[in-house]
Amino acid sequence: MNKPLYVAPQSYRQRRLRDAARLLPILAVFLIILPMLWGEAGSDLRSSGQDAIYLFVVWLCVIIAAAVLARRLTPGDTPADEDKG
């Protein structure tokens, strides 16, 4: 009759992993746009070499984070499965 106050730890972890997977593209866009905000106030010149290195490092980190999240999520872990429980 009464639902338990706490969720099972495994279910809670899977939900947080799904949340992290949903937020990863938003974080990636923010990190990719971030170099546009950098620079000296008195000059319009930028170092494109450093920006390119930064973008490739961010890109690599996003790929690694996505791979780790995808590996840790279980295959049958969809929002439709939550409604059944």
N, C-alpha and C. Protein backbone atom coordinates (compact mmCIF):
# COMPACT_ATOMS: atom_id res chain seq x y z
N MET A 1 0.81 -1.19 0.00
CA MET A 1 0.00 0.00 0.00
C MET A 1 0.86 1.26 0.00
N ASN A 2 1.72 1.38 0.99
CA ASN A 2 2.61 2.54 1.04
C ASN A 2 3.87 2.24 0.26
N LYS A 3 4.28 3.21 -0.52
CA LYS A 3 5.54 3.05 -1.24
C LYS A 3 6.69 3.26 -0.28
N PRO A 4 7.80 2.56 -0.51
CA PRO A 4 8.96 2.77 0.38
C PRO A 4 9.49 4.19 0.25
N LEU A 5 10.04 4.68 1.34
CA LEU A 5 10.55 6.04 1.38
C LEU A 5 11.82 6.19 0.52
N TYR A 6 12.63 5.16 0.49
CA TYR A 6 13.89 5.21 -0.25
C TYR A 6 13.84 4.26 -1.43
N VAL A 7 14.57 4.61 -2.47
CA VAL A 7 14.68 3.74 -3.64
C VAL A 7 15.88 2.82 -3.45
N ALA A 8 15.87 1.73 -4.17
CA ALA A 8 17.01 0.82 -4.11
C ALA A 8 18.26 1.54 -4.62
N PRO A 9 19.41 1.31 -3.99
CA PRO A 9 20.63 2.03 -4.41
C PRO A 9 20.98 1.82 -5.88
N GLN A 10 20.79 0.61 -6.40
CA GLN A 10 21.13 0.37 -7.80
C GLN A 10 20.23 1.17 -8.73
N SER A 11 18.95 1.23 -8.42
CA SER A 11 18.01 2.00 -9.23
C SER A 11 18.35 3.49 -9.16
N TYR A 12 18.72 3.96 -7.99
CA TYR A 12 19.09 5.37 -7.82
C TYR A 12 20.33 5.70 -8.65
N ARG A 13 21.33 4.82 -8.62
CA ARG A 13 22.57 5.05 -9.39
C ARG A 13 22.29 5.07 -10.89
N GLN A 14 21.43 4.17 -11.34
CA GLN A 14 21.11 4.13 -12.77
C GLN A 14 20.38 5.40 -13.19
N ARG A 15 19.52 5.92 -12.34
CA ARG A 15 18.82 7.17 -12.67
C ARG A 15 19.81 8.33 -12.75
N ARG A 16 20.76 8.39 -11.83
CA ARG A 16 21.75 9.47 -11.85
C ARG A 16 22.66 9.34 -13.05
N LEU A 17 22.99 8.12 -13.45
CA LEU A 17 23.81 7.93 -14.65
C LEU A 17 23.05 8.38 -15.90
N ARG A 18 21.74 8.08 -15.95
CA ARG A 18 20.93 8.56 -17.07
C ARG A 18 20.88 10.08 -17.09
N ASP A 19 20.76 10.70 -15.90
CA ASP A 19 20.76 12.16 -15.83
C ASP A 19 22.09 12.73 -16.32
N ALA A 20 23.19 12.09 -15.93
CA ALA A 20 24.50 12.55 -16.38
C ALA A 20 24.63 12.41 -17.90
N ALA A 21 24.10 11.32 -18.45
CA ALA A 21 24.15 11.13 -19.90
C ALA A 21 23.32 12.19 -20.63
N ARG A 22 22.25 12.62 -20.02
CA ARG A 22 21.43 13.67 -20.64
C ARG A 22 22.10 15.03 -20.56
N LEU A 23 22.86 15.28 -19.51
CA LEU A 23 23.52 16.57 -19.34
C LEU A 23 24.85 16.68 -20.09
N LEU A 24 25.42 15.56 -20.48
CA LEU A 24 26.72 15.58 -21.15
C LEU A 24 26.74 16.43 -22.42
N PRO A 25 25.74 16.36 -23.31
CA PRO A 25 25.79 17.23 -24.50
C PRO A 25 25.71 18.71 -24.16
N ILE A 26 24.95 19.06 -23.13
CA ILE A 26 24.84 20.46 -22.71
C ILE A 26 26.18 20.96 -22.18
N LEU A 27 26.83 20.13 -21.36
CA LEU A 27 28.15 20.47 -20.84
C LEU A 27 29.16 20.59 -21.98
N ALA A 28 29.08 19.70 -22.95
CA ALA A 28 30.01 19.73 -24.08
C ALA A 28 29.85 21.01 -24.88
N VAL A 29 28.62 21.42 -25.14
CA VAL A 29 28.39 22.66 -25.89
C VAL A 29 28.95 23.84 -25.13
N PHE A 30 28.72 23.88 -23.82
CA PHE A 30 29.26 24.98 -23.01
C PHE A 30 30.79 25.01 -23.07
N LEU A 31 31.43 23.85 -22.93
CA LEU A 31 32.89 23.80 -22.96
C LEU A 31 33.45 24.16 -24.34
N ILE A 32 32.72 23.84 -25.39
CA ILE A 32 33.20 24.17 -26.74
C ILE A 32 33.04 25.66 -27.02
N ILE A 33 31.98 26.26 -26.50
CA ILE A 33 31.75 27.70 -26.71
C ILE A 33 32.63 28.56 -25.81
N LEU A 34 33.08 28.01 -24.71
CA LEU A 34 33.85 28.76 -23.71
C LEU A 34 35.05 29.53 -24.26
N PRO A 35 35.84 29.00 -25.20
CA PRO A 35 37.00 29.77 -25.69
C PRO A 35 36.62 31.10 -26.35
N MET A 36 35.39 31.21 -26.83
CA MET A 36 34.97 32.49 -27.42
C MET A 36 34.92 33.61 -26.39
N LEU A 37 34.77 33.25 -25.14
CA LEU A 37 34.69 34.25 -24.08
C LEU A 37 36.07 34.67 -23.57
N TRP A 38 37.08 33.88 -23.90
CA TRP A 38 38.43 34.19 -23.47
C TRP A 38 39.04 35.23 -24.38
N GLY A 39 40.11 35.81 -23.95
CA GLY A 39 40.86 36.74 -24.79
C GLY A 39 41.12 38.04 -24.05
N GLU A 40 42.04 38.78 -24.60
CA GLU A 40 42.37 40.06 -24.00
C GLU A 40 41.37 41.11 -24.43
N ALA A 41 41.06 42.02 -23.54
CA ALA A 41 40.03 43.02 -23.80
C ALA A 41 40.48 44.02 -24.87
N GLY A 42 41.76 44.35 -24.93
CA GLY A 42 42.24 45.37 -25.85
C GLY A 42 42.56 44.86 -27.24
N SER A 43 42.46 43.57 -27.48
CA SER A 43 42.88 43.02 -28.77
C SER A 43 41.84 42.03 -29.29
N ASP A 44 41.68 42.03 -30.62
CA ASP A 44 40.78 41.07 -31.25
C ASP A 44 41.53 39.83 -31.71
N LEU A 45 42.85 39.82 -31.57
CA LEU A 45 43.65 38.69 -32.01
C LEU A 45 43.56 37.55 -31.00
N ARG A 46 43.50 36.34 -31.52
CA ARG A 46 43.43 35.16 -30.66
C ARG A 46 44.45 34.13 -31.13
N SER A 47 44.84 33.29 -30.24
CA SER A 47 45.75 32.21 -30.59
C SER A 47 44.93 31.00 -31.01
N SER A 48 44.82 30.79 -32.29
CA SER A 48 43.98 29.69 -32.78
C SER A 48 44.62 28.33 -32.49
N GLY A 49 45.93 28.29 -32.34
CA GLY A 49 46.59 27.03 -32.01
C GLY A 49 46.19 26.51 -30.64
N GLN A 50 46.19 27.39 -29.66
CA GLN A 50 45.78 26.99 -28.31
C GLN A 50 44.30 26.63 -28.28
N ASP A 51 43.48 27.38 -29.02
CA ASP A 51 42.05 27.08 -29.07
C ASP A 51 41.81 25.72 -29.72
N ALA A 52 42.56 25.39 -30.74
CA ALA A 52 42.40 24.10 -31.41
C ALA A 52 42.78 22.95 -30.48
N ILE A 53 43.87 23.11 -29.75
CA ILE A 53 44.28 22.09 -28.79
C ILE A 53 43.21 21.93 -27.72
N TYR A 54 42.68 23.04 -27.21
CA TYR A 54 41.63 23.00 -26.21
C TYR A 54 40.40 22.25 -26.74
N LEU A 55 39.99 22.57 -27.97
CA LEU A 55 38.80 21.93 -28.53
C LEU A 55 39.00 20.43 -28.72
N PHE A 56 40.17 20.01 -29.17
CA PHE A 56 40.42 18.58 -29.33
C PHE A 56 40.48 17.86 -27.98
N VAL A 57 41.01 18.51 -26.95
CA VAL A 57 41.04 17.91 -25.62
C VAL A 57 39.62 17.77 -25.08
N VAL A 58 38.81 18.81 -25.24
CA VAL A 58 37.41 18.75 -24.80
C VAL A 58 36.68 17.66 -25.56
N TRP A 59 36.88 17.60 -26.86
CA TRP A 59 36.23 16.60 -27.69
C TRP A 59 36.60 15.18 -27.23
N LEU A 60 37.88 14.96 -26.96
CA LEU A 60 38.34 13.65 -26.49
C LEU A 60 37.73 13.32 -25.13
N CYS A 61 37.68 14.28 -24.23
CA CYS A 61 37.11 14.05 -22.89
C CYS A 61 35.62 13.73 -22.98
N VAL A 62 34.91 14.40 -23.87
CA VAL A 62 33.47 14.12 -24.04
C VAL A 62 33.27 12.71 -24.58
N ILE A 63 34.10 12.30 -25.52
CA ILE A 63 34.00 10.94 -26.07
C ILE A 63 34.26 9.91 -24.98
N ILE A 64 35.29 10.13 -24.17
CA ILE A 64 35.62 9.20 -23.09
C ILE A 64 34.49 9.16 -22.06
N ALA A 65 33.97 10.32 -21.68
CA ALA A 65 32.87 10.38 -20.71
C ALA A 65 31.63 9.66 -21.24
N ALA A 66 31.32 9.85 -22.52
CA ALA A 66 30.17 9.18 -23.12
C ALA A 66 30.37 7.66 -23.14
N ALA A 67 31.58 7.22 -23.43
CA ALA A 67 31.86 5.78 -23.45
C ALA A 67 31.73 5.18 -22.06
N VAL A 68 32.23 5.88 -21.05
CA VAL A 68 32.13 5.38 -19.68
C VAL A 68 30.66 5.33 -19.24
N LEU A 69 29.91 6.38 -19.53
CA LEU A 69 28.49 6.39 -19.17
C LEU A 69 27.73 5.29 -19.89
N ALA A 70 28.00 5.11 -21.17
CA ALA A 70 27.30 4.08 -21.95
C ALA A 70 27.61 2.69 -21.43
N ARG A 71 28.84 2.47 -21.01
CA ARG A 71 29.23 1.15 -20.51
C ARG A 71 28.57 0.86 -19.15
N ARG A 72 28.41 1.91 -18.33
CA ARG A 72 27.86 1.70 -16.99
C ARG A 72 26.34 1.61 -16.97
N LEU A 73 25.68 2.14 -18.01
CA LEU A 73 24.22 2.04 -18.07
C LEU A 73 23.84 0.63 -18.50
N THR A 74 22.81 0.10 -17.89
CA THR A 74 22.37 -1.24 -18.27
C THR A 74 21.47 -1.15 -19.49
N PRO A 75 21.46 -2.19 -20.34
CA PRO A 75 20.69 -2.13 -21.58
C PRO A 75 19.18 -1.99 -21.37
N GLY A 76 18.63 -2.63 -20.36
CA GLY A 76 17.19 -2.58 -20.14
C GLY A 76 16.76 -1.40 -19.30
N ASP A 77 17.58 -0.39 -19.22
CA ASP A 77 17.33 0.74 -18.34
C ASP A 77 16.70 1.89 -19.12
N THR A 78 15.41 1.80 -19.36
CA THR A 78 14.70 2.84 -20.10
C THR A 78 13.58 3.39 -19.22
N PRO A 79 13.10 4.60 -19.50
CA PRO A 79 12.00 5.16 -18.71
C PRO A 79 10.74 4.29 -18.76
N ALA A 80 10.50 3.55 -19.83
CA ALA A 80 9.33 2.67 -19.91
C ALA A 80 9.43 1.54 -18.89
N ASP A 81 10.67 1.09 -18.60
CA ASP A 81 10.87 0.04 -17.61
C ASP A 81 10.54 0.53 -16.20
N GLU A 82 10.71 1.82 -15.94
CA GLU A 82 10.43 2.39 -14.63
C GLU A 82 8.94 2.32 -14.32
N ASP A 83 8.10 2.55 -15.31
CA ASP A 83 6.67 2.55 -15.11
C ASP A 83 6.13 1.18 -14.73
N LYS A 84 6.82 0.14 -15.14
CA LYS A 84 6.38 -1.22 -14.84
C LYS A 84 6.54 -1.53 -13.36
N GLY A 85 7.58 -0.93 -12.72
CA GLY A 85 7.91 -1.25 -11.34
C GLY A 85 7.07 -0.51 -10.42
